Amino acid sequence: MAVSRALRRLLLIRDLEEEQRRGALASALGELDRLERALEGTTERERRGRRLVGESVHTGQLPDRLAGLEETRSASRHAAALGPKIDAQEDQVSDLRELFLVKRVERRQAETLIKETEAREAIEAGRRGQQALDEWYSSRLRRDAGGAELHKDGEAEGTGTRSAEAASAESGGAEKELIFSATGPTNSQPGSAAGKET
């Protein structure tokens, strides 16, 4: 059977769906990376705030200590807010990756089905071609055999005709010999008599 238009349309749809899932997964991974980088920045802010508080203890600068404490508190709140967002984004990435893999499997199944159908078509076409070649060769052998038989029959007829002609020629030669043998002594007797008379 020929690869139907429906199968090719199915493969096209599966390919488009896979591309959409890949795009969604790439977008979700980009968002997760952005959140993780934001968490790293928040952690760095918290570290700077603590360092500022520690330095203010040695220098005795109250504004530096207050700024360091505020920076640390703000970074902690930001990190606490980012934690659930990152967890949710990781779950979304996991779900999108699974959907993407499902669509990839479906697309590969459609490709495999089309390739198997095309392979069966190629095998069937080769079988039909070989069968046509075998039939042509068989008909040629039969035709050649029939021509050879006609040629043999013609040779047999020609041989019979030549045999009849040879038999006719032989019989004609025998008749001539009989005629010559019958007339030969008659012609020789007068000669011999004339010789005797002489």
Protein backbone atom coordinates (compact mmCIF):
# COMPACT_ATOMS: atom_id res chain seq x y z
CA MET A 1 0.00 0.00 0.00
CA ALA A 2 1.21 3.51 -0.71
CA VAL A 3 2.19 5.85 2.08
CA SER A 4 -1.06 7.67 2.59
CA ARG A 5 -1.44 11.41 2.82
CA ALA A 6 -2.91 10.93 6.29
CA LEU A 7 0.30 9.29 7.53
CA ARG A 8 2.43 12.12 6.17
CA ARG A 9 0.07 14.66 7.72
CA LEU A 10 0.29 12.78 11.02
CA LEU A 11 4.09 12.93 10.86
CA LEU A 12 3.95 16.67 10.15
CA ILE A 13 1.60 17.22 13.11
CA ARG A 14 3.81 15.13 15.41
CA ASP A 15 6.84 17.11 14.27
CA LEU A 16 5.12 20.43 14.95
CA GLU A 17 3.94 19.25 18.37
CA GLU A 18 7.46 18.13 19.24
CA GLU A 19 8.84 21.52 18.21
CA GLN A 20 6.22 23.29 20.35
CA ARG A 21 7.10 21.12 23.36
CA ARG A 22 10.79 21.75 22.77
CA GLY A 23 10.15 25.50 22.68
CA ALA A 24 8.07 25.37 25.87
CA LEU A 25 10.73 23.28 27.60
CA ALA A 26 13.48 25.67 26.50
CA SER A 27 11.46 28.62 27.81
CA ALA A 28 10.83 26.91 31.15
CA LEU A 29 14.51 26.03 31.45
CA GLY A 30 15.40 29.66 30.72
CA GLU A 31 13.02 30.84 33.45
CA LEU A 32 14.45 28.31 35.92
CA ASP A 33 17.95 29.50 35.09
CA ARG A 34 16.89 33.11 35.65
CA LEU A 35 15.39 32.27 39.06
CA GLU A 36 18.48 30.33 40.08
CA ARG A 37 20.72 33.22 39.09
CA ALA A 38 18.47 35.57 41.07
CA LEU A 39 18.83 33.27 44.09
CA GLU A 40 22.60 33.30 43.66
CA GLY A 41 22.52 37.12 43.55
CA THR A 42 20.39 37.19 46.70
CA THR A 43 22.80 34.87 48.46
CA GLU A 44 25.65 37.15 47.46
CA ARG A 45 23.74 40.21 48.81
CA GLU A 46 23.18 38.42 52.10
CA ARG A 47 26.88 37.57 52.29
CA ARG A 48 27.83 41.21 51.64
CA GLY A 49 25.42 42.39 54.35
CA ARG A 50 26.95 40.05 56.90
CA ARG A 51 30.43 41.13 55.91
CA LEU A 52 29.40 44.78 56.34
CA VAL A 53 28.01 44.03 59.80
CA GLY A 54 31.25 42.28 60.74
CA GLU A 55 33.37 45.21 59.52
CA SER A 56 31.18 47.71 61.37
CA VAL A 57 31.89 45.87 64.62
CA HIS A 58 35.60 46.60 64.20
CA THR A 59 35.16 50.17 62.87
CA GLY A 60 32.32 51.15 65.20
CA GLN A 61 30.31 52.65 62.33
CA LEU A 62 26.64 52.33 63.29
CA PRO A 63 25.27 53.25 59.80
CA ASP A 64 27.35 50.46 58.23
CA ARG A 65 26.01 48.00 60.78
CA LEU A 66 22.41 49.06 60.14
CA ALA A 67 22.91 48.90 56.35
CA GLY A 68 24.48 45.47 56.65
CA LEU A 69 21.63 44.19 58.82
CA GLU A 70 19.02 45.56 56.37
CA GLU A 71 20.85 44.06 53.41
CA THR A 72 20.97 40.68 55.11
CA ARG A 73 17.30 40.81 56.09
CA SER A 74 16.18 41.88 52.61
CA ALA A 75 18.27 39.16 50.95
CA SER A 76 16.83 36.54 53.31
CA ARG A 77 13.26 37.59 52.47
CA HIS A 78 14.03 37.56 48.77
CA ALA A 79 15.63 34.10 49.01
CA ALA A 80 12.61 32.82 50.94
CA ALA A 81 10.32 34.12 48.18
CA LEU A 82 12.46 32.64 45.43
CA GLY A 83 12.59 29.15 46.98
CA PRO A 84 8.95 28.14 46.22
CA LYS A 85 9.13 29.74 42.77
CA ILE A 86 12.20 27.70 41.92
CA ASP A 87 10.54 24.50 43.21
CA ALA A 88 7.42 25.19 41.12
CA GLN A 89 9.53 25.96 38.08
CA GLU A 90 11.49 22.74 38.51
CA ASP A 91 8.21 20.80 38.63
CA GLN A 92 7.04 22.58 35.49
CA VAL A 93 10.32 21.80 33.71
CA SER A 94 9.98 18.15 34.71
CA ASP A 95 6.42 17.99 33.35
CA LEU A 96 7.35 19.76 30.12
CA ARG A 97 10.36 17.49 29.64
CA GLU A 98 8.12 14.45 30.01
CA LEU A 99 5.60 15.84 27.51
CA PHE A 100 8.42 16.65 25.12
CA LEU A 101 9.75 13.09 25.35
CA VAL A 102 6.24 11.71 24.75
CA LYS A 103 5.87 13.84 21.59
CA ARG A 104 9.33 12.78 20.43
CA VAL A 105 8.37 9.11 20.83
CA GLU A 106 5.11 9.70 18.91
CA ARG A 107 7.00 11.46 16.11
CA ARG A 108 9.54 8.66 15.88
CA GLN A 109 6.75 6.08 15.80
CA ALA A 110 5.16 7.90 12.86
CA GLU A 111 8.55 8.05 11.10
CA THR A 112 9.10 4.33 11.73
CA LEU A 113 5.65 3.51 10.36
CA ILE A 114 6.30 5.51 7.19
CA LYS A 115 9.76 3.97 6.71
CA GLU A 116 8.37 0.45 7.15
CA THR A 117 5.59 1.20 4.65
CA GLU A 118 8.09 2.60 2.15
CA ALA A 119 10.35 -0.45 2.64
CA ARG A 120 7.42 -2.81 2.01
CA GLU A 121 6.53 -0.82 -1.11
CA ALA A 122 10.10 -1.06 -2.38
CA ILE A 123 10.18 -4.82 -1.78
CA GLU A 124 6.83 -5.26 -3.52
CA ALA A 125 7.96 -3.13 -6.47
CA GLY A 126 11.13 -5.19 -6.77
CA ARG A 127 9.10 -8.40 -6.63
CA ARG A 128 6.75 -7.15 -9.35
CA GLY A 129 9.68 -6.09 -11.50
CA GLN A 130 11.36 -9.47 -11.09
CA GLN A 131 8.10 -11.26 -11.91
CA ALA A 132 7.66 -9.17 -15.06
CA LEU A 133 11.24 -9.92 -16.07
CA ASP A 134 10.73 -13.65 -15.46
CA GLU A 135 7.53 -13.64 -17.53
CA TRP A 136 9.27 -11.79 -20.37
CA TYR A 137 12.17 -14.24 -20.31
CA SER A 138 9.81 -17.27 -20.27
CA SER A 139 7.81 -15.91 -23.21
CA ARG A 140 11.04 -15.29 -25.11
CA LEU A 141 12.18 -18.88 -24.48
CA ARG A 142 8.83 -20.22 -25.68
CA ARG A 143 9.00 -18.03 -28.78
CA ASP A 144 12.55 -19.14 -29.56
CA ALA A 145 11.61 -22.81 -29.04
CA GLY A 146 8.64 -22.44 -31.41
CA GLY A 147 10.86 -20.87 -34.09
CA ALA A 148 13.39 -23.69 -33.76
CA GLU A 149 10.64 -26.31 -34.27
CA LEU A 150 9.41 -24.53 -37.39
CA HIS A 151 12.98 -24.42 -38.69
CA LYS A 152 13.42 -28.15 -38.10
CA ASP A 153 10.13 -28.92 -39.86
CA GLY A 154 11.25 -26.87 -42.88
CA GLU A 155 14.57 -28.68 -42.98
CA ALA A 156 12.78 -32.05 -42.84
CA GLU A 157 10.52 -31.06 -45.73
CA GLY A 158 13.54 -29.86 -47.74
CA THR A 159 15.35 -33.14 -47.06
CA GLY A 160 12.34 -35.13 -48.28
CA THR A 161 12.21 -33.09 -51.46
CA ARG A 162 15.92 -33.51 -52.05
CA SER A 163 15.61 -37.27 -51.43
CA ALA A 164 12.83 -37.53 -54.00
CA GLU A 165 14.87 -35.53 -56.49
CA ALA A 166 17.92 -37.75 -55.86
CA ALA A 167 15.82 -40.89 -56.26
CA SER A 168 14.37 -39.50 -59.47
CA ALA A 169 17.86 -38.66 -60.75
CA GLU A 170 19.13 -42.12 -59.86
CA SER A 171 16.21 -43.81 -61.60
CA GLY A 172 16.78 -41.61 -64.67
CA GLY A 173 20.45 -42.60 -64.69
CA ALA A 174 19.54 -46.29 -64.48
CA GLU A 175 17.17 -45.90 -67.40
CA LYS A 176 19.92 -44.24 -69.46
CA GLU A 177 22.32 -47.07 -68.63
CA LEU A 178 19.72 -49.58 -69.73
CA ILE A 179 19.20 -47.70 -72.98
CA PHE A 180 22.93 -47.43 -73.65
CA SER A 181 23.50 -51.06 -72.79
CA ALA A 182 20.64 -52.08 -75.04
CA THR A 183 21.85 -50.05 -78.05
CA GLY A 184 25.56 -50.59 -77.52
CA PRO A 185 25.91 -54.16 -78.88
CA THR A 186 23.72 -53.41 -81.88
CA ASN A 187 26.01 -50.57 -82.97
CA SER A 188 29.17 -52.63 -82.42
CA GLN A 189 28.06 -55.71 -84.40
CA PRO A 190 28.03 -54.06 -87.81
CA GLY A 191 31.44 -52.66 -87.17
CA SER A 192 32.88 -55.97 -86.20
CA ALA A 193 31.18 -57.65 -89.20
CA ALA A 194 32.64 -55.00 -91.46
CA GLY A 195 36.01 -55.70 -90.06
CA LYS A 196 35.60 -59.34 -90.67
CA GLU A 197 34.45 -58.72 -94.19
CA THR A 198 37.43 -56.58 -94.82
